[in-house]
Amino acid sequence: MSHLQQNGSTTTLIKSEVDFQRLINGESDRLVSRASNLLQNKSFTDVTFIVGPPQHSKKYVGHRVLLAMTSPVFEAMFYGDMADKSKVIRIPDLAPIGFENLLRYAYTDSLNLNSVDDAMLTAYAAKKYLLPHLLRECLTYIDKNITPSCACAVYEFATVLNSQQLIFQSMQIIDRQTYHVITHKSFNSIQLSTLEFIVGRRYLNLYSEYSLFNSIIQWAISECKRRSVNSNDWTVVRGILEDSNVLRNVRFLTMTNEEFCRVIAQTTSPATQQQKNAEDQNSNENSFLIKHEQITIFMNLAIPGIVPIPKGLSQETTPRCAPPEYFIVRRYKPVSYATATNLASIGGNKPVRVVSIKFQVMNADVFIIGASIPIRLDPGYYSVRTPKLECQLKFSSKAGVASEPPMGVRADDTVLLDTIDDSISVVISKDKDCHVKLKKPISIKKGNLNEIMLTFQISTLNDDIVVVKGHRGKPSQCEILDGEALSWIFYKSSNIEFNELYYYY
């Protein structure tokens, strides 16, 4: 009888909790509805915002108290020691659509984005007024909706906001869908630094370097118009690119003879009288490439290496191609198998629970996207299900560290980044090493000392299930050139080490 009463009491309690939660949700919905009505009806407003540049500005109204409750910037603006008491506030550095979305989010806690451009403009507003949740929603929307048409704009946006995830995503699209990126009309409005970044890429998915050169010329002509200079003068068009590394990274020597003939034909016109009288100009032609450069490139296309390439032009003869999914740097090559217990006893009878790696990349910034662990299933193990291990991934990075073992690191070195991801799962198989794929890439800055540590959420690896691949003669410190002109330095660890890192750059 008491048991039934107890169950009845529990049921009543659960029902009460459900009813209470529904009551809370209902009240919350009503509050949001009231705030939304305030925004739409413009009732009881006490501040006006003029948003955008003067020629494209738009007026919005709001309520100081509600906005101050939403943003610490508004709180300081309206009620701080230096509060702005004026009824009209001008915000020329934000786009109207971005501020409008911010207001809607502040009043209704909802966001309706229609394009990547809207999301970027809203993100700028969220960053300015310190709304991290709104900023996160904007970045997530952009991440899911990047296309070749907006990849360059997203790259520029991500660089300003230092969003490494978006930088990585935009790089992937630029490298793998290059032709669609550079032939879209939006390419003509990118920044010079972005153009320089793209032309300097080692891998680009191009039909030919000729298509990249055409896009560069179209960009330079558009830039001449933006600067109100003569876009019909090829020397002026070239001058737009002179202060950058764009021209010296164009691989003319990978073009065919026919393609280079088209380059000359498209960037040469009859010289004006003023150009004929100018110094160092051909008397009859106005060309993007001077005669000496044209002849030299033609000769090298016919007979490679016959004459030196003029200074300021690329000597590269390897055509660009699409990049691989990722690049691999190998810490060491495992040579044998041992049980987890035997391998642990060699290192001081410690249980094999942690896999780690300490390293530096000396001459480039890279993204780590995965790693390989030298563990496999014991050949004698049988199970219907493939074992899956839950892990915790920790990454830390320090600046100002010289190329020396970690034991020599100064205690006051600044920790730039220290993150933990609790949701990593790894699958162990018999015929290949265990691969760890990260949900988001880890940004590695040139010269920083980095450590990646993977901790299994078990007391130790089970001898009945796992064997660990051992290694012999692995140096305590080594520098590896992996064929991609990157210099890596690895440091000895007391833990089992990742044998490979998967990266992109």
Protein backbone atom coordinates (compact mmCIF):
# COMPACT_ATOMS: atom_id res chain seq x y z
CA MET A 1 0.00 0.00 0.00
CA SER A 2 2.78 2.37 0.93
CA HIS A 3 4.50 1.50 -2.33
CA LEU A 4 1.43 2.56 -4.30
CA GLN A 5 1.20 5.74 -2.31
CA GLN A 6 4.85 6.45 -2.96
CA ASN A 7 4.42 5.89 -6.70
CA GLY A 8 1.36 8.10 -6.69
CA SER A 9 3.29 10.83 -4.92
CA THR A 10 6.12 10.54 -7.44
CA THR A 11 3.68 10.75 -10.34
CA THR A 12 2.07 13.83 -8.81
CA LEU A 13 5.49 15.41 -8.33
CA ILE A 14 6.51 14.76 -11.94
CA LYS A 15 3.21 16.17 -13.18
CA SER A 16 3.70 19.26 -11.04
CA GLU A 17 7.20 19.80 -12.44
CA VAL A 18 5.93 19.44 -16.01
CA ASP A 19 3.10 21.90 -15.33
CA PHE A 20 5.54 24.33 -13.74
CA GLN A 21 7.87 24.12 -16.73
CA ARG A 22 4.96 24.73 -19.10
CA LEU A 23 3.96 27.72 -17.00
CA ILE A 24 7.49 29.13 -17.19
CA ASN A 25 7.66 28.58 -20.96
CA GLY A 26 4.26 30.18 -21.42
CA GLU A 27 5.23 33.26 -19.41
CA SER A 28 8.49 33.49 -21.36
CA ASP A 29 6.62 33.36 -24.67
CA ARG A 30 4.27 36.10 -23.50
CA LEU A 31 7.19 38.32 -22.46
CA VAL A 32 8.84 37.85 -25.85
CA SER A 33 5.53 38.65 -27.54
CA ARG A 34 5.19 41.87 -25.53
CA ALA A 35 8.75 42.92 -26.32
CA SER A 36 8.15 42.17 -30.00
CA ASN A 37 5.04 44.37 -29.95
CA LEU A 38 7.08 47.19 -28.41
CA LEU A 39 9.55 46.94 -31.29
CA GLN A 40 6.88 46.79 -34.00
CA ASN A 41 4.53 49.43 -32.60
CA LYS A 42 7.38 51.72 -31.51
CA SER A 43 5.54 52.44 -28.27
CA PHE A 44 7.27 54.27 -25.40
CA THR A 45 10.57 54.59 -27.31
CA ASP A 46 13.13 56.96 -25.84
CA VAL A 47 16.11 56.74 -28.20
CA THR A 48 16.60 57.02 -31.97
CA PHE A 49 19.49 55.50 -33.94
CA ILE A 50 20.70 56.77 -37.33
CA VAL A 51 22.57 53.76 -38.71
CA GLY A 52 24.85 53.56 -41.74
CA PRO A 53 26.85 56.04 -43.84
CA PRO A 54 25.09 59.37 -44.51
CA GLN A 55 24.03 58.52 -48.06
CA HIS A 56 22.54 55.13 -47.07
CA SER A 57 21.49 55.65 -43.45
CA LYS A 58 18.31 54.34 -41.86
CA LYS A 59 16.44 55.35 -38.70
CA TYR A 60 15.55 52.96 -35.87
CA VAL A 61 13.98 53.56 -32.47
CA GLY A 62 14.37 51.63 -29.22
CA HIS A 63 14.07 51.53 -25.46
CA ARG A 64 17.14 52.36 -23.40
CA VAL A 65 16.29 50.05 -20.48
CA LEU A 66 15.67 46.98 -22.62
CA LEU A 67 18.81 47.54 -24.73
CA ALA A 68 20.91 48.13 -21.61
CA MET A 69 19.67 44.80 -20.22
CA THR A 70 20.81 43.11 -23.44
CA SER A 71 24.26 44.62 -24.05
CA PRO A 72 26.96 45.91 -21.66
CA VAL A 73 27.92 48.45 -24.32
CA PHE A 74 24.40 49.90 -24.36
CA GLU A 75 24.39 49.82 -20.56
CA ALA A 76 27.55 51.94 -20.42
CA MET A 77 26.27 54.17 -23.21
CA PHE A 78 22.94 54.94 -21.54
CA TYR A 79 23.60 54.59 -17.81
CA GLY A 80 27.36 54.69 -17.31
CA ASP A 81 29.50 57.50 -15.90
CA MET A 82 29.89 58.95 -19.40
CA ALA A 83 26.30 58.25 -20.47
CA ASP A 84 25.05 59.75 -23.72
CA LYS A 85 21.86 61.67 -22.87
CA SER A 86 21.05 62.69 -26.43
CA LYS A 87 17.88 61.28 -27.96
CA VAL A 88 19.50 60.69 -31.37
CA ILE A 89 22.59 58.47 -31.67
CA ARG A 90 24.47 58.11 -34.95
CA ILE A 91 26.17 54.80 -35.83
CA PRO A 92 27.89 55.31 -39.20
CA ASP A 93 30.16 52.24 -39.01
CA LEU A 94 27.40 49.59 -39.11
CA ALA A 95 25.10 48.50 -41.92
CA PRO A 96 21.37 49.07 -41.31
CA ILE A 97 20.49 45.40 -41.84
CA GLY A 98 23.06 44.34 -39.25
CA PHE A 99 21.73 46.74 -36.62
CA GLU A 100 18.14 45.82 -37.46
CA ASN A 101 18.89 42.13 -36.85
CA LEU A 102 20.60 43.06 -33.58
CA LEU A 103 17.51 44.95 -32.42
CA ARG A 104 15.24 42.07 -33.36
CA TYR A 105 17.46 39.66 -31.43
CA ALA A 106 17.53 41.97 -28.40
CA TYR A 107 13.73 42.23 -28.30
CA THR A 108 12.64 38.76 -29.40
CA ASP A 109 15.69 36.53 -28.82
CA SER A 110 15.30 35.26 -32.39
CA LEU A 111 17.33 35.67 -35.55
CA ASN A 112 16.26 35.35 -39.17
CA LEU A 113 19.19 35.51 -41.58
CA ASN A 114 18.60 35.44 -45.33
CA SER A 115 22.15 35.49 -46.69
CA VAL A 116 25.80 35.20 -45.74
CA ASP A 117 26.20 38.94 -46.33
CA ASP A 118 23.43 39.66 -43.80
CA ALA A 119 25.06 37.29 -41.33
CA MET A 120 28.45 39.02 -41.65
CA LEU A 121 26.93 42.48 -41.22
CA THR A 122 24.99 41.26 -38.18
CA ALA A 123 28.13 39.67 -36.75
CA TYR A 124 29.95 43.02 -36.93
CA ALA A 125 27.10 44.58 -34.93
CA ALA A 126 27.14 41.71 -32.41
CA LYS A 127 30.87 42.11 -31.91
CA LYS A 128 30.61 45.89 -31.50
CA TYR A 129 27.90 45.59 -28.83
CA LEU A 130 29.33 42.48 -27.13
CA LEU A 131 26.55 40.01 -27.80
CA PRO A 132 28.43 36.67 -27.89
CA HIS A 133 25.35 34.47 -28.39
CA LEU A 134 24.25 36.50 -31.42
CA LEU A 135 27.80 36.46 -32.78
CA ARG A 136 27.96 32.68 -32.39
CA GLU A 137 24.69 32.21 -34.27
CA CYS A 138 25.95 34.41 -37.12
CA LEU A 139 29.24 32.50 -37.38
CA THR A 140 27.41 29.18 -37.37
CA TYR A 141 25.11 30.35 -40.17
CA ILE A 142 28.09 31.54 -42.25
CA ASP A 143 29.96 28.28 -41.66
CA LYS A 144 27.00 26.27 -43.01
CA ASN A 145 26.35 28.50 -46.03
CA ILE A 146 29.73 29.38 -47.56
CA THR A 147 29.72 29.09 -51.36
CA PRO A 148 32.28 30.01 -54.04
CA SER A 149 30.41 33.27 -54.66
CA CYS A 150 31.10 34.51 -51.12
CA ALA A 151 34.25 32.58 -50.15
CA CYS A 152 36.55 35.59 -50.58
CA ALA A 153 34.25 37.89 -48.61
CA VAL A 154 34.04 35.31 -45.82
CA TYR A 155 37.84 34.98 -45.79
CA GLU A 156 38.22 38.75 -45.37
CA PHE A 157 35.51 38.81 -42.71
CA ALA A 158 37.05 35.88 -40.81
CA THR A 159 40.48 37.51 -40.91
CA VAL A 160 39.11 40.69 -39.31
CA LEU A 161 37.25 38.74 -36.60
CA ASN A 162 40.06 36.18 -36.24
CA SER A 163 37.61 33.31 -36.73
CA GLN A 164 39.94 30.40 -37.46
CA GLN A 165 37.10 28.03 -38.32
CA LEU A 166 35.80 30.36 -41.06
CA ILE A 167 39.32 31.04 -42.33
CA PHE A 168 39.79 27.28 -42.71
CA GLN A 169 36.42 26.79 -44.42
CA SER A 170 36.92 29.66 -46.86
CA MET A 171 40.45 28.43 -47.70
CA GLN A 172 39.03 24.99 -48.49
CA ILE A 173 36.52 26.43 -50.96
CA ILE A 174 39.05 28.79 -52.56
CA ASP A 175 41.53 25.93 -53.06
CA ARG A 176 39.05 23.28 -54.23
CA GLN A 177 36.55 25.37 -56.24
CA THR A 178 39.00 27.96 -57.50
CA TYR A 179 37.58 28.39 -60.99
CA HIS A 180 34.10 29.18 -59.66
CA VAL A 181 35.59 31.58 -57.09
CA ILE A 182 37.72 33.61 -59.51
CA THR A 183 35.12 33.79 -62.30
CA HIS A 184 32.31 35.07 -60.08
CA LYS A 185 31.55 38.78 -60.40
CA SER A 186 32.21 39.35 -56.70
CA PHE A 187 35.89 38.49 -57.26
CA ASN A 188 36.46 41.92 -58.83
CA SER A 189 35.70 43.64 -55.53
CA ILE A 190 37.99 41.70 -53.19
CA GLN A 191 40.86 43.37 -51.34
CA LEU A 192 44.37 43.41 -52.79
CA SER A 193 45.64 41.39 -49.81
CA THR A 194 43.07 38.68 -50.57
CA LEU A 195 44.08 38.59 -54.22
CA GLU A 196 47.71 38.29 -53.15
CA PHE A 197 46.80 35.43 -50.79
CA ILE A 198 44.98 33.49 -53.52
CA VAL A 199 47.63 33.93 -56.21
CA GLY A 200 50.29 32.83 -53.72
CA ARG A 201 48.54 29.52 -52.94
CA ARG A 202 50.52 26.38 -53.73
CA TYR A 203 47.41 24.39 -54.69
CA LEU A 204 44.50 25.75 -56.71
CA ASN A 205 41.91 23.77 -58.64
CA LEU A 206 42.38 25.46 -62.02
CA TYR A 207 41.95 24.37 -65.60
CA SER A 208 44.88 26.61 -66.48
CA GLU A 209 46.92 29.49 -65.08
CA TYR A 210 45.49 31.48 -67.98
CA SER A 211 42.06 31.67 -66.29
CA LEU A 212 43.69 32.99 -63.10
CA PHE A 213 45.59 35.64 -65.06
CA ASN A 214 42.38 36.76 -66.76
CA SER A 215 40.69 37.20 -63.38
CA ILE A 216 43.68 39.17 -62.08
CA ILE A 217 43.45 41.54 -65.05
CA GLN A 218 39.71 42.01 -64.57
CA TRP A 219 40.30 42.77 -60.88
CA ALA A 220 43.05 45.28 -61.70
CA ILE A 221 40.84 47.07 -64.25
CA SER A 222 38.03 47.28 -61.67
CA GLU A 223 40.50 48.64 -59.12
CA CYS A 224 41.60 51.33 -61.60
CA LYS A 225 37.98 52.44 -61.88
CA ARG A 226 37.61 52.48 -58.09
CA ARG A 227 40.70 54.69 -57.87
CA SER A 228 39.53 56.84 -60.80
CA VAL A 229 42.66 56.21 -62.87
CA ASN A 230 42.98 55.31 -66.55
CA SER A 231 42.09 51.63 -66.94
CA ASN A 232 42.92 51.74 -70.67
CA ASP A 233 46.61 52.31 -69.97
CA TRP A 234 48.22 48.90 -69.38
CA THR A 235 51.16 50.45 -67.56
CA VAL A 236 48.69 51.95 -65.06
CA VAL A 237 46.89 48.60 -64.73
CA ARG A 238 50.20 46.90 -63.99
CA GLY A 239 51.11 49.64 -61.54
CA ILE A 240 48.09 48.65 -59.44
CA LEU A 241 49.82 45.30 -58.80
CA GLU A 242 53.42 46.49 -58.45
CA ASP A 243 53.36 46.97 -54.66
CA SER A 244 52.23 43.38 -54.07
CA ASN A 245 53.44 39.86 -54.82
CA VAL A 246 50.60 39.16 -57.23
CA LEU A 247 52.50 39.37 -60.51
CA ARG A 248 55.56 37.47 -59.27
CA ASN A 249 53.32 34.52 -58.32
CA VAL A 250 51.59 34.19 -61.71
CA ARG A 251 52.99 31.02 -63.30
CA PHE A 252 53.34 32.15 -66.91
CA LEU A 253 55.66 29.19 -67.62
CA THR A 254 52.81 26.72 -66.98
CA MET A 255 50.73 28.20 -69.81
CA THR A 256 50.72 26.80 -73.32
CA ASN A 257 52.16 28.84 -76.18
CA GLU A 258 48.63 29.54 -77.41
CA GLU A 259 47.49 30.74 -73.98
CA PHE A 260 50.44 33.08 -73.61
CA CYS A 261 49.76 34.47 -77.10
CA ARG A 262 46.26 35.35 -75.89
CA VAL A 263 47.76 37.01 -72.81
CA ILE A 264 49.85 39.28 -75.03
CA ALA A 265 46.99 39.98 -77.44
CA GLN A 266 44.53 40.85 -74.66
CA THR A 267 46.90 43.12 -72.73
CA THR A 268 48.42 45.07 -75.62
CA SER A 269 46.97 48.12 -77.36
CA PRO A 270 48.29 50.89 -79.65
CA ALA A 271 50.26 53.47 -77.70
CA THR A 272 49.02 57.04 -77.40
CA GLN A 273 51.27 59.94 -78.38
CA GLN A 274 51.98 60.63 -74.70
CA GLN A 275 53.04 57.01 -74.18
CA LYS A 276 55.25 57.11 -77.27
CA ASN A 277 57.14 60.06 -75.82
CA ALA A 278 57.53 58.45 -72.37
CA GLU A 279 60.78 56.79 -71.34
CA ASP A 280 61.18 53.00 -71.52
CA GLN A 281 58.00 52.59 -73.56
CA ASN A 282 57.72 50.85 -76.91
CA SER A 283 57.07 53.46 -79.58
CA ASN A 284 54.08 51.63 -81.05
CA GLU A 285 52.54 49.54 -78.27
CA ASN A 286 51.12 49.89 -74.77
CA SER A 287 51.54 46.48 -73.06
CA PHE A 288 51.03 44.95 -69.65
CA LEU A 289 54.25 42.95 -70.09
CA ILE A 290 57.17 44.78 -71.67
CA LYS A 291 58.80 43.36 -74.80
CA HIS A 292 61.77 41.86 -72.96
CA GLU A 293 59.45 39.96 -70.60
CA GLN A 294 57.30 38.72 -73.49
CA ILE A 295 60.29 37.44 -75.47
CA THR A 296 61.92 35.81 -72.45
CA ILE A 297 58.76 33.92 -71.48
CA PHE A 298 58.19 32.79 -75.08
CA MET A 299 61.76 31.48 -75.29
CA ASN A 300 61.40 29.53 -72.04
CA LEU A 301 58.09 28.08 -73.15
CA ALA A 302 59.83 26.82 -76.29
CA ILE A 303 63.04 25.65 -74.57
CA PRO A 304 62.80 25.57 -70.76
CA GLY A 305 65.69 27.31 -69.01
CA ILE A 306 67.26 28.73 -72.15
CA VAL A 307 67.44 32.28 -70.75
CA PRO A 308 66.98 33.73 -67.23
CA ILE A 309 63.51 34.88 -66.25
CA PRO A 310 63.35 38.64 -65.53
CA LYS A 311 63.26 39.69 -61.90
CA GLY A 312 59.74 40.03 -60.54
CA LEU A 313 58.27 37.16 -62.59
CA SER A 314 57.70 33.60 -61.43
CA GLN A 315 60.13 30.86 -62.44
CA GLU A 316 57.70 28.12 -61.38
CA THR A 317 57.03 25.52 -64.09
CA THR A 318 54.74 23.19 -62.13
CA PRO A 319 51.04 23.66 -62.96
CA ARG A 320 48.74 24.14 -59.99
CA CYS A 321 46.28 21.39 -59.13
CA ALA A 322 43.60 20.64 -56.55
CA PRO A 323 44.98 20.00 -53.06
CA PRO A 324 44.70 16.65 -51.28
CA GLU A 325 42.13 16.26 -48.52
CA TYR A 326 44.93 16.80 -46.01
CA PHE A 327 48.70 16.61 -45.69
CA ILE A 328 50.54 14.18 -43.41
CA VAL A 329 53.60 14.66 -41.24
CA ARG A 330 54.98 11.47 -39.69
CA ARG A 331 56.48 11.64 -36.20
CA TYR A 332 57.89 8.11 -36.45
CA LYS A 333 57.17 4.81 -38.17
CA PRO A 334 55.94 2.07 -35.82
CA VAL A 335 57.80 -1.22 -36.35
CA SER A 336 56.32 -3.78 -33.94
CA TYR A 337 53.38 -4.67 -31.72
CA ALA A 338 53.26 -5.01 -27.96
CA THR A 339 50.48 -5.36 -25.42
CA ALA A 340 49.45 -2.23 -23.58
CA THR A 341 50.82 -3.59 -20.27
CA ASN A 342 54.21 -4.56 -21.68
CA LEU A 343 54.65 -1.20 -23.36
CA ALA A 344 53.58 0.60 -20.21
CA SER A 345 56.06 -1.32 -18.05
CA ILE A 346 58.91 -0.15 -20.27
CA GLY A 347 57.98 3.43 -19.46
CA GLY A 348 57.89 2.93 -15.71
CA ASN A 349 54.85 0.70 -15.23
CA LYS A 350 52.41 3.51 -16.01
CA PRO A 351 49.04 2.58 -17.51
CA VAL A 352 48.57 3.49 -21.17
CA ARG A 353 45.76 5.97 -20.88
CA VAL A 354 47.12 9.12 -22.55
CA VAL A 355 48.40 9.78 -26.08
CA SER A 356 50.11 13.10 -26.70
CA ILE A 357 52.47 15.07 -28.92
CA LYS A 358 54.54 18.25 -28.45
CA PHE A 359 55.69 20.13 -31.51
CA GLN A 360 56.41 23.39 -33.31
CA VAL A 361 55.88 24.44 -36.92
CA MET A 362 58.69 26.83 -37.71
CA ASN A 363 57.84 28.48 -41.03
CA ALA A 364 54.06 28.54 -41.56
CA ASP A 365 50.66 28.65 -39.90
CA VAL A 366 48.76 25.37 -40.28
CA PHE A 367 45.50 23.72 -39.22
CA ILE A 368 45.60 20.33 -37.50
CA ILE A 369 42.55 18.35 -38.61
CA GLY A 370 43.36 14.88 -37.28
CA ALA A 371 45.97 12.43 -36.04
CA SER A 372 46.91 8.76 -36.00
CA ILE A 373 47.38 6.68 -32.84
CA PRO A 374 49.55 3.53 -33.12
CA ILE A 375 47.01 1.17 -31.53
CA ARG A 376 45.04 -1.70 -33.06
CA LEU A 377 42.80 -4.54 -31.98
CA ASP A 378 44.55 -7.69 -30.84
CA PRO A 379 44.41 -10.18 -33.78
CA GLY A 380 42.88 -12.77 -31.45
CA TYR A 381 40.08 -10.50 -30.30
CA TYR A 382 36.57 -11.17 -31.61
CA SER A 383 33.43 -9.15 -31.10
CA VAL A 384 30.30 -8.44 -33.10
CA ARG A 385 30.74 -4.73 -32.42
CA THR A 386 33.87 -2.73 -33.16
CA PRO A 387 35.15 -1.20 -29.91
CA LYS A 388 34.71 2.54 -29.61
CA LEU A 389 36.56 4.58 -27.00
CA GLU A 390 35.40 7.92 -25.64
CA CYS A 391 38.20 10.45 -25.22
CA GLN A 392 38.94 13.92 -23.97
CA LEU A 393 41.09 16.09 -26.23
CA LYS A 394 43.14 18.92 -24.75
CA PHE A 395 45.16 21.43 -26.79
CA SER A 396 47.48 24.10 -25.45
CA SER A 397 49.73 26.60 -27.20
CA LYS A 398 52.48 28.85 -25.88
CA ALA A 399 54.14 31.83 -27.55
CA GLY A 400 57.71 33.03 -27.33
CA VAL A 401 59.25 29.57 -27.11
CA ALA A 402 62.58 28.92 -28.77
CA SER A 403 63.42 25.69 -30.58
CA GLU A 404 64.38 23.79 -27.44
CA PRO A 405 62.92 20.90 -25.44
CA PRO A 406 59.88 21.74 -23.31
CA MET A 407 61.94 21.35 -20.12
CA GLY A 408 63.76 24.54 -21.15
CA VAL A 409 60.57 26.55 -21.50
CA ARG A 410 60.42 29.58 -19.23
CA ALA A 411 57.73 29.52 -16.57
CA ASP A 412 56.42 32.93 -17.59
CA ASP A 413 55.75 32.03 -21.22
CA THR A 414 52.27 33.17 -22.15
CA VAL A 415 49.65 30.49 -22.75
CA LEU A 416 47.78 31.66 -25.83
CA LEU A 417 45.22 28.89 -26.01
CA ASP A 418 44.08 26.11 -23.73
CA THR A 419 40.99 24.22 -24.86
CA ILE A 420 39.28 20.94 -24.01
CA ASP A 421 36.90 18.88 -26.16
CA ASP A 422 35.11 16.14 -24.22
CA SER A 423 33.28 14.59 -27.15
CA ILE A 424 35.94 12.77 -29.17
CA SER A 425 35.25 9.13 -30.11
CA VAL A 426 37.79 6.78 -31.69
CA VAL A 427 37.14 3.42 -33.33
CA ILE A 428 39.77 0.68 -33.06
CA SER A 429 40.25 -1.88 -35.84
CA LYS A 430 42.62 -4.78 -36.56
CA ASP A 431 44.04 -3.78 -39.93
CA LYS A 432 44.90 -0.10 -39.50
CA ASP A 433 45.99 2.41 -36.90
CA CYS A 434 43.41 4.36 -34.97
CA HIS A 435 42.52 7.64 -36.70
CA VAL A 436 41.25 10.66 -34.79
CA LYS A 437 39.27 13.18 -36.81
CA LEU A 438 38.69 16.52 -35.13
CA LYS A 439 35.28 18.15 -35.32
CA LYS A 440 36.92 21.53 -35.83
CA PRO A 441 40.47 22.24 -36.99
CA ILE A 442 43.06 23.43 -34.50
CA SER A 443 44.89 26.58 -35.60
CA ILE A 444 48.67 26.31 -35.16
CA LYS A 445 50.65 29.55 -35.29
CA LYS A 446 54.19 29.63 -36.62
CA GLY A 447 56.83 29.23 -33.92
CA ASN A 448 54.45 28.49 -31.03
CA LEU A 449 55.01 25.45 -28.82
CA ASN A 450 51.94 23.23 -29.00
CA GLU A 451 50.75 20.16 -27.16
CA ILE A 452 47.86 17.88 -28.08
CA MET A 453 46.81 15.36 -25.44
CA LEU A 454 44.16 12.67 -25.86
CA THR A 455 42.96 11.00 -22.66
CA PHE A 456 40.91 7.80 -22.82
CA GLN A 457 37.91 7.84 -20.50
CA ILE A 458 38.90 4.47 -19.02
CA SER A 459 41.44 3.52 -16.38
CA THR A 460 43.77 1.89 -18.92
CA LEU A 461 43.72 0.24 -22.33
CA ASN A 462 42.51 -3.35 -22.09
CA ASP A 463 45.18 -5.96 -22.90
CA ASP A 464 42.52 -8.34 -24.18
CA ILE A 465 41.45 -5.84 -26.80
CA VAL A 466 44.33 -3.56 -27.79
CA VAL A 467 47.93 -3.91 -28.91
CA VAL A 468 50.14 -0.84 -29.18
CA LYS A 469 52.62 -0.43 -32.01
CA GLY A 470 56.09 0.18 -30.68
CA HIS A 471 59.03 1.98 -32.29
CA ARG A 472 62.80 1.83 -32.23
CA GLY A 473 65.41 4.50 -32.49
CA LYS A 474 62.97 7.41 -32.38
CA PRO A 475 65.09 10.52 -31.70
CA SER A 476 64.25 12.75 -28.75
CA GLN A 477 64.09 15.74 -31.06
CA CYS A 478 63.94 15.82 -34.83
CA GLU A 479 63.26 18.24 -37.65
CA ILE A 480 61.19 16.92 -40.52
CA LEU A 481 60.80 18.34 -43.98
CA ASP A 482 57.71 16.63 -45.28
CA GLY A 483 57.87 17.63 -48.93
CA GLU A 484 55.61 20.66 -48.47
CA ALA A 485 58.47 22.96 -47.44
CA LEU A 486 57.32 22.95 -43.82
CA SER A 487 59.74 22.53 -40.95
CA TRP A 488 58.44 20.63 -37.90
CA ILE A 489 60.16 20.11 -34.57
CA PHE A 490 58.88 17.35 -32.28
CA TYR A 491 59.74 16.90 -28.61
CA LYS A 492 59.97 13.68 -26.64
CA SER A 493 57.05 12.84 -24.39
CA SER A 494 56.70 10.37 -21.52
CA ASN A 495 53.35 9.26 -22.98
CA ILE A 496 52.58 7.14 -26.01
CA GLU A 497 52.86 9.56 -28.95
CA PHE A 498 50.75 10.18 -32.01
CA ASN A 499 52.69 8.75 -34.93
CA GLU A 500 51.11 11.03 -37.57
CA LEU A 501 49.45 14.43 -37.72
CA TYR A 502 47.00 15.40 -40.47
CA TYR A 503 47.09 19.06 -41.36
CA TYR A 504 46.13 21.68 -43.93
CA TYR A 505 47.75 24.99 -44.79
